[in-house]
Amino acid sequence: VLNPKIAVFYTGLLPTLAPSGFSPHLGMILLVLIHTALTLVWLGGYVLVLTKARAFFEKSAVRRTMDRVTGVVLIGFGVRVATSRP
């Protein structure tokens, strides 16, 4: 309800995708339900993957490696910004 991108999608693009064999209201309800179901499955997949990956990322060796890689990347970005010309 508070996401303007979804409001623009629902009011601008979604009506053009409504099936012609249904009444406009029924077609829109069907598309919204499909969109909701796909969103729940997609986000549920994220939850399952991240739940399984949590134990791996909590290992101290993995955390140290990620901190080092992130630090090197940030230093690289800083050097890039410092040496770039406007």
PDB file of N, CA and C in Angstrom:
ATOM      1  N   VAL A   1       0.832  -1.189   0.000  1.00  0.00           N
ATOM      2  CA  VAL A   1       0.000   0.000   0.000  1.00  0.00           C
ATOM      3  C   VAL A   1       0.879   1.256   0.000  1.00  0.00           C
ATOM      4  N   LEU A   2       2.012   1.230   0.678  1.00  0.00           N
ATOM      5  CA  LEU A   2       2.846   2.421   0.783  1.00  0.00           C
ATOM      6  C   LEU A   2       3.977   2.459  -0.243  1.00  0.00           C
ATOM      7  N   ASN A   3       4.039   1.505  -1.146  1.00  0.00           N
ATOM      8  CA  ASN A   3       5.099   1.461  -2.147  1.00  0.00           C
ATOM      9  C   ASN A   3       4.591   2.089  -3.444  1.00  0.00           C
ATOM     10  N   PRO A   4       5.090   3.271  -3.817  1.00  0.00           N
ATOM     11  CA  PRO A   4       4.575   3.927  -5.021  1.00  0.00           C
ATOM     12  C   PRO A   4       4.887   3.174  -6.312  1.00  0.00           C
ATOM     13  N   LYS A   5       5.974   2.416  -6.352  1.00  0.00           N
ATOM     14  CA  LYS A   5       6.300   1.657  -7.566  1.00  0.00           C
ATOM     15  C   LYS A   5       5.229   0.604  -7.854  1.00  0.00           C
ATOM     16  N   ILE A   6       4.768  -0.053  -6.825  1.00  0.00           N
ATOM     17  CA  ILE A   6       3.724  -1.059  -7.014  1.00  0.00           C
ATOM     18  C   ILE A   6       2.412  -0.388  -7.416  1.00  0.00           C
ATOM     19  N   ALA A   7       2.126   0.775  -6.858  1.00  0.00           N
ATOM     20  CA  ALA A   7       0.913   1.499  -7.240  1.00  0.00           C
ATOM     21  C   ALA A   7       0.947   1.880  -8.719  1.00  0.00           C
ATOM     22  N   VAL A   8       2.102   2.337  -9.186  1.00  0.00           N
ATOM     23  CA  VAL A   8       2.235   2.677 -10.609  1.00  0.00           C
ATOM     24  C   VAL A   8       2.102   1.415 -11.457  1.00  0.00           C
ATOM     25  N   PHE A   9       2.688   0.316 -11.010  1.00  0.00           N
ATOM     26  CA  PHE A   9       2.585  -0.945 -11.742  1.00  0.00           C
ATOM     27  C   PHE A   9       1.138  -1.391 -11.845  1.00  0.00           C
ATOM     28  N   TYR A  10       0.434  -1.376 -10.719  1.00  0.00           N
ATOM     29  CA  TYR A  10      -0.945  -1.849 -10.728  1.00  0.00           C
ATOM     30  C   TYR A  10      -1.860  -0.953 -11.539  1.00  0.00           C
ATOM     31  N   THR A  11      -1.642   0.331 -11.510  1.00  0.00           N
ATOM     32  CA  THR A  11      -2.553   1.233 -12.231  1.00  0.00           C
ATOM     33  C   THR A  11      -2.132   1.460 -13.676  1.00  0.00           C
ATOM     34  N   GLY A  12      -0.848   1.280 -13.996  1.00  0.00           N
ATOM     35  CA  GLY A  12      -0.384   1.576 -15.344  1.00  0.00           C
ATOM     36  C   GLY A  12      -0.207   0.356 -16.226  1.00  0.00           C
ATOM     37  N   LEU A  13       0.509  -0.632 -15.748  1.00  0.00           N
ATOM     38  CA  LEU A  13       0.863  -1.762 -16.596  1.00  0.00           C
ATOM     39  C   LEU A  13      -0.070  -2.951 -16.434  1.00  0.00           C
ATOM     40  N   LEU A  14      -0.472  -3.247 -15.238  1.00  0.00           N
ATOM     41  CA  LEU A  14      -1.237  -4.460 -14.990  1.00  0.00           C
ATOM     42  C   LEU A  14      -2.560  -4.523 -15.762  1.00  0.00           C
ATOM     43  N   PRO A  15      -3.306  -3.424 -15.910  1.00  0.00           N
ATOM     44  CA  PRO A  15      -4.556  -3.528 -16.681  1.00  0.00           C
ATOM     45  C   PRO A  15      -4.344  -3.968 -18.129  1.00  0.00           C
ATOM     46  N   THR A  16      -3.201  -3.647 -18.715  1.00  0.00           N
ATOM     47  CA  THR A  16      -2.956  -4.067 -20.094  1.00  0.00           C
ATOM     48  C   THR A  16      -2.696  -5.563 -20.202  1.00  0.00           C
ATOM     49  N   LEU A  17      -2.362  -6.203 -19.086  1.00  0.00           N
ATOM     50  CA  LEU A  17      -2.074  -7.630 -19.077  1.00  0.00           C
ATOM     51  C   LEU A  17      -3.271  -8.486 -18.694  1.00  0.00           C
ATOM     52  N   ALA A  18      -4.378  -7.850 -18.339  1.00  0.00           N
ATOM     53  CA  ALA A  18      -5.559  -8.594 -17.893  1.00  0.00           C
ATOM     54  C   ALA A  18      -6.086  -9.461 -19.037  1.00  0.00           C
ATOM     55  N   PRO A  19      -6.447 -10.709 -18.739  1.00  0.00           N
ATOM     56  CA  PRO A  19      -6.963 -11.592 -19.796  1.00  0.00           C
ATOM     57  C   PRO A  19      -8.287 -11.083 -20.346  1.00  0.00           C
ATOM     58  N   SER A  20      -8.464 -11.217 -21.645  1.00  0.00           N
ATOM     59  CA  SER A  20      -9.660 -10.665 -22.284  1.00  0.00           C
ATOM     60  C   SER A  20     -10.895 -11.540 -22.093  1.00  0.00           C
ATOM     61  N   GLY A  21     -10.726 -12.794 -21.710  1.00  0.00           N
ATOM     62  CA  GLY A  21     -11.859 -13.691 -21.548  1.00  0.00           C
ATOM     63  C   GLY A  21     -12.641 -13.477 -20.263  1.00  0.00           C
ATOM     64  N   PHE A  22     -12.116 -12.698 -19.342  1.00  0.00           N
ATOM     65  CA  PHE A  22     -12.767 -12.455 -18.056  1.00  0.00           C
ATOM     66  C   PHE A  22     -13.302 -11.032 -18.012  1.00  0.00           C
ATOM     67  N   SER A  23     -14.162 -10.776 -17.031  1.00  0.00           N
ATOM     68  CA  SER A  23     -14.568  -9.393 -16.796  1.00  0.00           C
ATOM     69  C   SER A  23     -13.336  -8.631 -16.289  1.00  0.00           C
ATOM     70  N   PRO A  24     -13.269  -7.320 -16.507  1.00  0.00           N
ATOM     71  CA  PRO A  24     -12.077  -6.575 -16.088  1.00  0.00           C
ATOM     72  C   PRO A  24     -11.747  -6.742 -14.604  1.00  0.00           C
ATOM     73  N   HIS A  25     -12.777  -6.713 -13.756  1.00  0.00           N
ATOM     74  CA  HIS A  25     -12.535  -6.842 -12.316  1.00  0.00           C
ATOM     75  C   HIS A  25     -12.005  -8.229 -11.967  1.00  0.00           C
ATOM     76  N   LEU A  26     -12.590  -9.256 -12.549  1.00  0.00           N
ATOM     77  CA  LEU A  26     -12.150 -10.621 -12.269  1.00  0.00           C
ATOM     78  C   LEU A  26     -10.742 -10.856 -12.809  1.00  0.00           C
ATOM     79  N   GLY A  27     -10.451 -10.312 -13.975  1.00  0.00           N
ATOM     80  CA  GLY A  27      -9.109 -10.445 -14.543  1.00  0.00           C
ATOM     81  C   GLY A  27      -8.060  -9.776 -13.674  1.00  0.00           C
ATOM     82  N   MET A  28      -8.371  -8.588 -13.167  1.00  0.00           N
ATOM     83  CA  MET A  28      -7.433  -7.886 -12.299  1.00  0.00           C
ATOM     84  C   MET A  28      -7.235  -8.622 -10.978  1.00  0.00           C
ATOM     85  N   ILE A  29      -8.318  -9.140 -10.416  1.00  0.00           N
ATOM     86  CA  ILE A  29      -8.206  -9.898  -9.170  1.00  0.00           C
ATOM     87  C   ILE A  29      -7.331 -11.129  -9.392  1.00  0.00           C
ATOM     88  N   LEU A  30      -7.511 -11.801 -10.523  1.00  0.00           N
ATOM     89  CA  LEU A  30      -6.693 -12.971 -10.840  1.00  0.00           C
ATOM     90  C   LEU A  30      -5.214 -12.595 -10.948  1.00  0.00           C
ATOM     91  N   LEU A  31      -4.907 -11.502 -11.637  1.00  0.00           N
ATOM     92  CA  LEU A  31      -3.511 -11.083 -11.778  1.00  0.00           C
ATOM     93  C   LEU A  31      -2.903 -10.662 -10.440  1.00  0.00           C
ATOM     94  N   VAL A  32      -3.663  -9.990  -9.609  1.00  0.00           N
ATOM     95  CA  VAL A  32      -3.156  -9.588  -8.294  1.00  0.00           C
ATOM     96  C   VAL A  32      -2.886 -10.822  -7.435  1.00  0.00           C
ATOM     97  N   LEU A  33      -3.771 -11.804  -7.495  1.00  0.00           N
ATOM     98  CA  LEU A  33      -3.550 -13.027  -6.722  1.00  0.00           C
ATOM     99  C   LEU A  33      -2.315 -13.789  -7.224  1.00  0.00           C
ATOM    100  N   ILE A  34      -2.125 -13.834  -8.534  1.00  0.00           N
ATOM    101  CA  ILE A  34      -0.938 -14.486  -9.090  1.00  0.00           C
ATOM    102  C   ILE A  34       0.320 -13.742  -8.647  1.00  0.00           C
ATOM    103  N   HIS A  35       0.281 -12.413  -8.707  1.00  0.00           N
ATOM    104  CA  HIS A  35       1.429 -11.607  -8.289  1.00  0.00           C
ATOM    105  C   HIS A  35       1.733 -11.821  -6.809  1.00  0.00           C
ATOM    106  N   THR A  36       0.710 -11.887  -5.992  1.00  0.00           N
ATOM    107  CA  THR A  36       0.881 -12.123  -4.559  1.00  0.00           C
ATOM    108  C   THR A  36       1.477 -13.502  -4.301  1.00  0.00           C
ATOM    109  N   ALA A  37       0.967 -14.514  -4.994  1.00  0.00           N
ATOM    110  CA  ALA A  37       1.477 -15.874  -4.803  1.00  0.00           C
ATOM    111  C   ALA A  37       2.947 -15.970  -5.231  1.00  0.00           C
ATOM    112  N   LEU A  38       3.285 -15.367  -6.370  1.00  0.00           N
ATOM    113  CA  LEU A  38       4.673 -15.396  -6.825  1.00  0.00           C
ATOM    114  C   LEU A  38       5.593 -14.673  -5.853  1.00  0.00           C
ATOM    115  N   THR A  39       5.131 -13.568  -5.304  1.00  0.00           N
ATOM    116  CA  THR A  39       5.936 -12.820  -4.335  1.00  0.00           C
ATOM    117  C   THR A  39       6.172 -13.651  -3.080  1.00  0.00           C
ATOM    118  N   LEU A  40       5.134 -14.315  -2.586  1.00  0.00           N
ATOM    119  CA  LEU A  40       5.288 -15.142  -1.387  1.00  0.00           C
ATOM    120  C   LEU A  40       6.233 -16.310  -1.632  1.00  0.00           C
ATOM    121  N   VAL A  41       6.146 -16.939  -2.794  1.00  0.00           N
ATOM    122  CA  VAL A  41       7.045 -18.055  -3.109  1.00  0.00           C
ATOM    123  C   VAL A  41       8.479 -17.544  -3.230  1.00  0.00           C
ATOM    124  N   TRP A  42       8.680 -16.407  -3.911  1.00  0.00           N
ATOM    125  CA  TRP A  42      10.019 -15.842  -4.105  1.00  0.00           C
ATOM    126  C   TRP A  42      10.661 -15.468  -2.769  1.00  0.00           C
ATOM    127  N   LEU A  43       9.923 -14.742  -1.935  1.00  0.00           N
ATOM    128  CA  LEU A  43      10.464 -14.339  -0.640  1.00  0.00           C
ATOM    129  C   LEU A  43      10.630 -15.532   0.296  1.00  0.00           C
ATOM    130  N   GLY A  44       9.739 -16.499   0.194  1.00  0.00           N
ATOM    131  CA  GLY A  44       9.892 -17.725   0.978  1.00  0.00           C
ATOM    132  C   GLY A  44      11.149 -18.480   0.589  1.00  0.00           C
ATOM    133  N   GLY A  45      11.472 -18.465  -0.704  1.00  0.00           N
ATOM    134  CA  GLY A  45      12.721 -19.075  -1.162  1.00  0.00           C
ATOM    135  C   GLY A  45      13.933 -18.385  -0.570  1.00  0.00           C
ATOM    136  N   TYR A  46      13.890 -17.038  -0.525  1.00  0.00           N
ATOM    137  CA  TYR A  46      14.966 -16.296   0.125  1.00  0.00           C
ATOM    138  C   TYR A  46      15.135 -16.726   1.581  1.00  0.00           C
ATOM    139  N   VAL A  47      14.036 -16.847   2.270  1.00  0.00           N
ATOM    140  CA  VAL A  47      14.090 -17.230   3.689  1.00  0.00           C
ATOM    141  C   VAL A  47      14.731 -18.606   3.842  1.00  0.00           C
ATOM    142  N   LEU A  48      14.340 -19.549   3.014  1.00  0.00           N
ATOM    143  CA  LEU A  48      14.909 -20.898   3.113  1.00  0.00           C
ATOM    144  C   LEU A  48      16.405 -20.902   2.811  1.00  0.00           C
ATOM    145  N   VAL A  49      16.819 -20.199   1.764  1.00  0.00           N
ATOM    146  CA  VAL A  49      18.231 -20.168   1.403  1.00  0.00           C
ATOM    147  C   VAL A  49      19.049 -19.491   2.491  1.00  0.00           C
ATOM    148  N   LEU A  50      18.566 -18.360   2.988  1.00  0.00           N
ATOM    149  CA  LEU A  50      19.316 -17.639   4.007  1.00  0.00           C
ATOM    150  C   LEU A  50      19.347 -18.393   5.332  1.00  0.00           C
ATOM    151  N   THR A  51      18.305 -19.121   5.644  1.00  0.00           N
ATOM    152  CA  THR A  51      18.300 -19.930   6.856  1.00  0.00           C
ATOM    153  C   THR A  51      19.358 -21.023   6.770  1.00  0.00           C
ATOM    154  N   LYS A  52      19.453 -21.650   5.608  1.00  0.00           N
ATOM    155  CA  LYS A  52      20.460 -22.700   5.426  1.00  0.00           C
ATOM    156  C   LYS A  52      21.865 -22.115   5.404  1.00  0.00           C
ATOM    157  N   ALA A  53      22.040 -20.912   4.864  1.00  0.00           N
ATOM    158  CA  ALA A  53      23.362 -20.308   4.735  1.00  0.00           C
ATOM    159  C   ALA A  53      23.841 -19.646   6.022  1.00  0.00           C
ATOM    160  N   ARG A  54      22.960 -19.447   6.973  1.00  0.00           N
ATOM    161  CA  ARG A  54      23.320 -18.731   8.190  1.00  0.00           C
ATOM    162  C   ARG A  54      24.472 -19.401   8.940  1.00  0.00           C
ATOM    163  N   ALA A  55      24.399 -20.703   9.094  1.00  0.00           N
ATOM    164  CA  ALA A  55      25.449 -21.415   9.832  1.00  0.00           C
ATOM    165  C   ALA A  55      26.808 -21.239   9.160  1.00  0.00           C
ATOM    166  N   PHE A  56      26.825 -21.232   7.832  1.00  0.00           N
ATOM    167  CA  PHE A  56      28.079 -21.044   7.108  1.00  0.00           C
ATOM    168  C   PHE A  56      28.649 -19.655   7.345  1.00  0.00           C
ATOM    169  N   PHE A  57      27.802 -18.635   7.248  1.00  0.00           N
ATOM    170  CA  PHE A  57      28.274 -17.260   7.383  1.00  0.00           C
ATOM    171  C   PHE A  57      28.594 -16.869   8.822  1.00  0.00           C
ATOM    172  N   GLU A  58      28.159 -17.665   9.796  1.00  0.00           N
ATOM    173  CA  GLU A  58      28.475 -17.374  11.190  1.00  0.00           C
ATOM    174  C   GLU A  58      29.838 -17.928  11.615  1.00  0.00           C
ATOM    175  N   LYS A  59      30.462 -18.719  10.777  1.00  0.00           N
ATOM    176  CA  LYS A  59      31.790 -19.249  11.105  1.00  0.00           C
ATOM    177  C   LYS A  59      32.787 -18.097  11.136  1.00  0.00           C
ATOM    178  N   SER A  60      33.680 -18.140  12.131  1.00  0.00           N
ATOM    179  CA  SER A  60      34.614 -17.026  12.297  1.00  0.00           C
ATOM    180  C   SER A  60      35.560 -16.871  11.112  1.00  0.00           C
ATOM    181  N   ALA A  61      35.994 -17.969  10.520  1.00  0.00           N
ATOM    182  CA  ALA A  61      36.897 -17.878   9.367  1.00  0.00           C
ATOM    183  C   ALA A  61      36.196 -17.221   8.176  1.00  0.00           C
ATOM    184  N   VAL A  62      34.952 -17.561   7.977  1.00  0.00           N
ATOM    185  CA  VAL A  62      34.191 -16.969   6.870  1.00  0.00           C
ATOM    186  C   VAL A  62      33.976 -15.485   7.125  1.00  0.00           C
ATOM    187  N   ARG A  63      33.636 -15.123   8.346  1.00  0.00           N
ATOM    188  CA  ARG A  63      33.422 -13.714   8.679  1.00  0.00           C
ATOM    189  C   ARG A  63      34.699 -12.902   8.496  1.00  0.00           C
ATOM    190  N   ARG A  64      35.839 -13.443   8.930  1.00  0.00           N
ATOM    191  CA  ARG A  64      37.115 -12.739   8.743  1.00  0.00           C
ATOM    192  C   ARG A  64      37.422 -12.541   7.259  1.00  0.00           C
ATOM    193  N   THR A  65      37.211 -13.588   6.489  1.00  0.00           N
ATOM    194  CA  THR A  65      37.458 -13.495   5.046  1.00  0.00           C
ATOM    195  C   THR A  65      36.544 -12.462   4.400  1.00  0.00           C
ATOM    196  N   MET A  66      35.279 -12.468   4.776  1.00  0.00           N
ATOM    197  CA  MET A  66      34.334 -11.485   4.210  1.00  0.00           C
ATOM    198  C   MET A  66      34.717 -10.067   4.622  1.00  0.00           C
ATOM    199  N   ASP A  67      35.146  -9.887   5.861  1.00  0.00           N
ATOM    200  CA  ASP A  67      35.589  -8.564   6.310  1.00  0.00           C
ATOM    201  C   ASP A  67      36.805  -8.098   5.527  1.00  0.00           C
ATOM    202  N   ARG A  68      37.736  -8.998   5.280  1.00  0.00           N
ATOM    203  CA  ARG A  68      38.939  -8.627   4.531  1.00  0.00           C
ATOM    204  C   ARG A  68      38.602  -8.281   3.080  1.00  0.00           C
ATOM    205  N   VAL A  69      37.780  -9.097   2.449  1.00  0.00           N
ATOM    206  CA  VAL A  69      37.400  -8.834   1.059  1.00  0.00           C
ATOM    207  C   VAL A  69      36.641  -7.518   0.953  1.00  0.00           C
ATOM    208  N   THR A  70      35.711  -7.301   1.868  1.00  0.00           N
ATOM    209  CA  THR A  70      34.949  -6.049   1.867  1.00  0.00           C
ATOM    210  C   THR A  70      35.870  -4.858   2.079  1.00  0.00           C
ATOM    211  N   GLY A  71      36.836  -4.984   2.981  1.00  0.00           N
ATOM    212  CA  GLY A  71      37.783  -3.903   3.217  1.00  0.00           C
ATOM    213  C   GLY A  71      38.610  -3.584   1.987  1.00  0.00           C
ATOM    214  N   VAL A  72      39.090  -4.613   1.307  1.00  0.00           N
ATOM    215  CA  VAL A  72      39.875  -4.400   0.093  1.00  0.00           C
ATOM    216  C   VAL A  72      39.032  -3.723  -0.985  1.00  0.00           C
ATOM    217  N   VAL A  73      37.792  -4.154  -1.129  1.00  0.00           N
ATOM    218  CA  VAL A  73      36.907  -3.548  -2.128  1.00  0.00           C
ATOM    219  C   VAL A  73      36.658  -2.074  -1.797  1.00  0.00           C
ATOM    220  N   LEU A  74      36.393  -1.765  -0.533  1.00  0.00           N
ATOM    221  CA  LEU A  74      36.155  -0.368  -0.148  1.00  0.00           C
ATOM    222  C   LEU A  74      37.402   0.484  -0.344  1.00  0.00           C
ATOM    223  N   ILE A  75      38.571  -0.051  -0.022  1.00  0.00           N
ATOM    224  CA  ILE A  75      39.817   0.687  -0.259  1.00  0.00           C
ATOM    225  C   ILE A  75      40.006   0.906  -1.762  1.00  0.00           C
ATOM    226  N   GLY A  76      39.708  -0.099  -2.558  1.00  0.00           N
ATOM    227  CA  GLY A  76      39.802   0.045  -4.010  1.00  0.00           C
ATOM    228  C   GLY A  76      38.871   1.123  -4.536  1.00  0.00           C
ATOM    229  N   PHE A  77      37.637   1.165  -4.030  1.00  0.00           N
ATOM    230  CA  PHE A  77      36.707   2.225  -4.432  1.00  0.00           C
ATOM    231  C   PHE A  77      37.243   3.591  -4.023  1.00  0.00           C
ATOM    232  N   GLY A  78      37.797   3.673  -2.825  1.00  0.00           N
ATOM    233  CA  GLY A  78      38.354   4.939  -2.359  1.00  0.00           C
ATOM    234  C   GLY A  78      39.497   5.413  -3.224  1.00  0.00           C
ATOM    235  N   VAL A  79      40.388   4.498  -3.595  1.00  0.00           N
ATOM    236  CA  VAL A  79      41.503   4.858  -4.479  1.00  0.00           C
ATOM    237  C   VAL A  79      40.972   5.292  -5.840  1.00  0.00           C
ATOM    238  N   ARG A  80      39.973   4.597  -6.329  1.00  0.00           N
ATOM    239  CA  ARG A  80      39.371   4.957  -7.624  1.00  0.00           C
ATOM    240  C   ARG A  80      38.780   6.364  -7.584  1.00  0.00           C
ATOM    241  N   VAL A  81      38.068   6.690  -6.531  1.00  0.00           N
ATOM    242  CA  VAL A  81      37.475   8.020  -6.392  1.00  0.00           C
ATOM    243  C   VAL A  81      38.569   9.077  -6.231  1.00  0.00           C
ATOM    244  N   ALA A  82      39.585   8.765  -5.453  1.00  0.00           N
ATOM    245  CA  ALA A  82      40.664   9.733  -5.210  1.00  0.00           C
ATOM    246  C   ALA A  82      41.479  10.011  -6.469  1.00  0.00           C
ATOM    247  N   THR A  83      41.596   9.038  -7.346  1.00  0.00           N
ATOM    248  CA  THR A  83      42.432   9.232  -8.543  1.00  0.00           C
ATOM    249  C   THR A  83      41.631   9.616  -9.777  1.00  0.00           C
ATOM    250  N   SER A  84      40.310   9.671  -9.663  1.00  0.00           N
ATOM    251  CA  SER A  84      39.516  10.030 -10.832  1.00  0.00           C
ATOM    252  C   SER A  84      39.459  11.540 -11.015  1.00  0.00           C
ATOM    253  N   ARG A  85      39.268  11.936 -12.240  1.00  0.00           N
ATOM    254  CA  ARG A  85      39.157  13.365 -12.559  1.00  0.00           C
ATOM    255  C   ARG A  85      37.703  13.692 -12.852  1.00  0.00           C
ATOM    256  N   PRO A  86      37.266  14.872 -12.425  1.00  0.00           N
ATOM    257  CA  PRO A  86      35.852  15.243 -12.675  1.00  0.00           C
ATOM    258  C   PRO A  86      35.538  15.519 -14.121  1.00  0.00           C
TER     259      PRO A  86
END
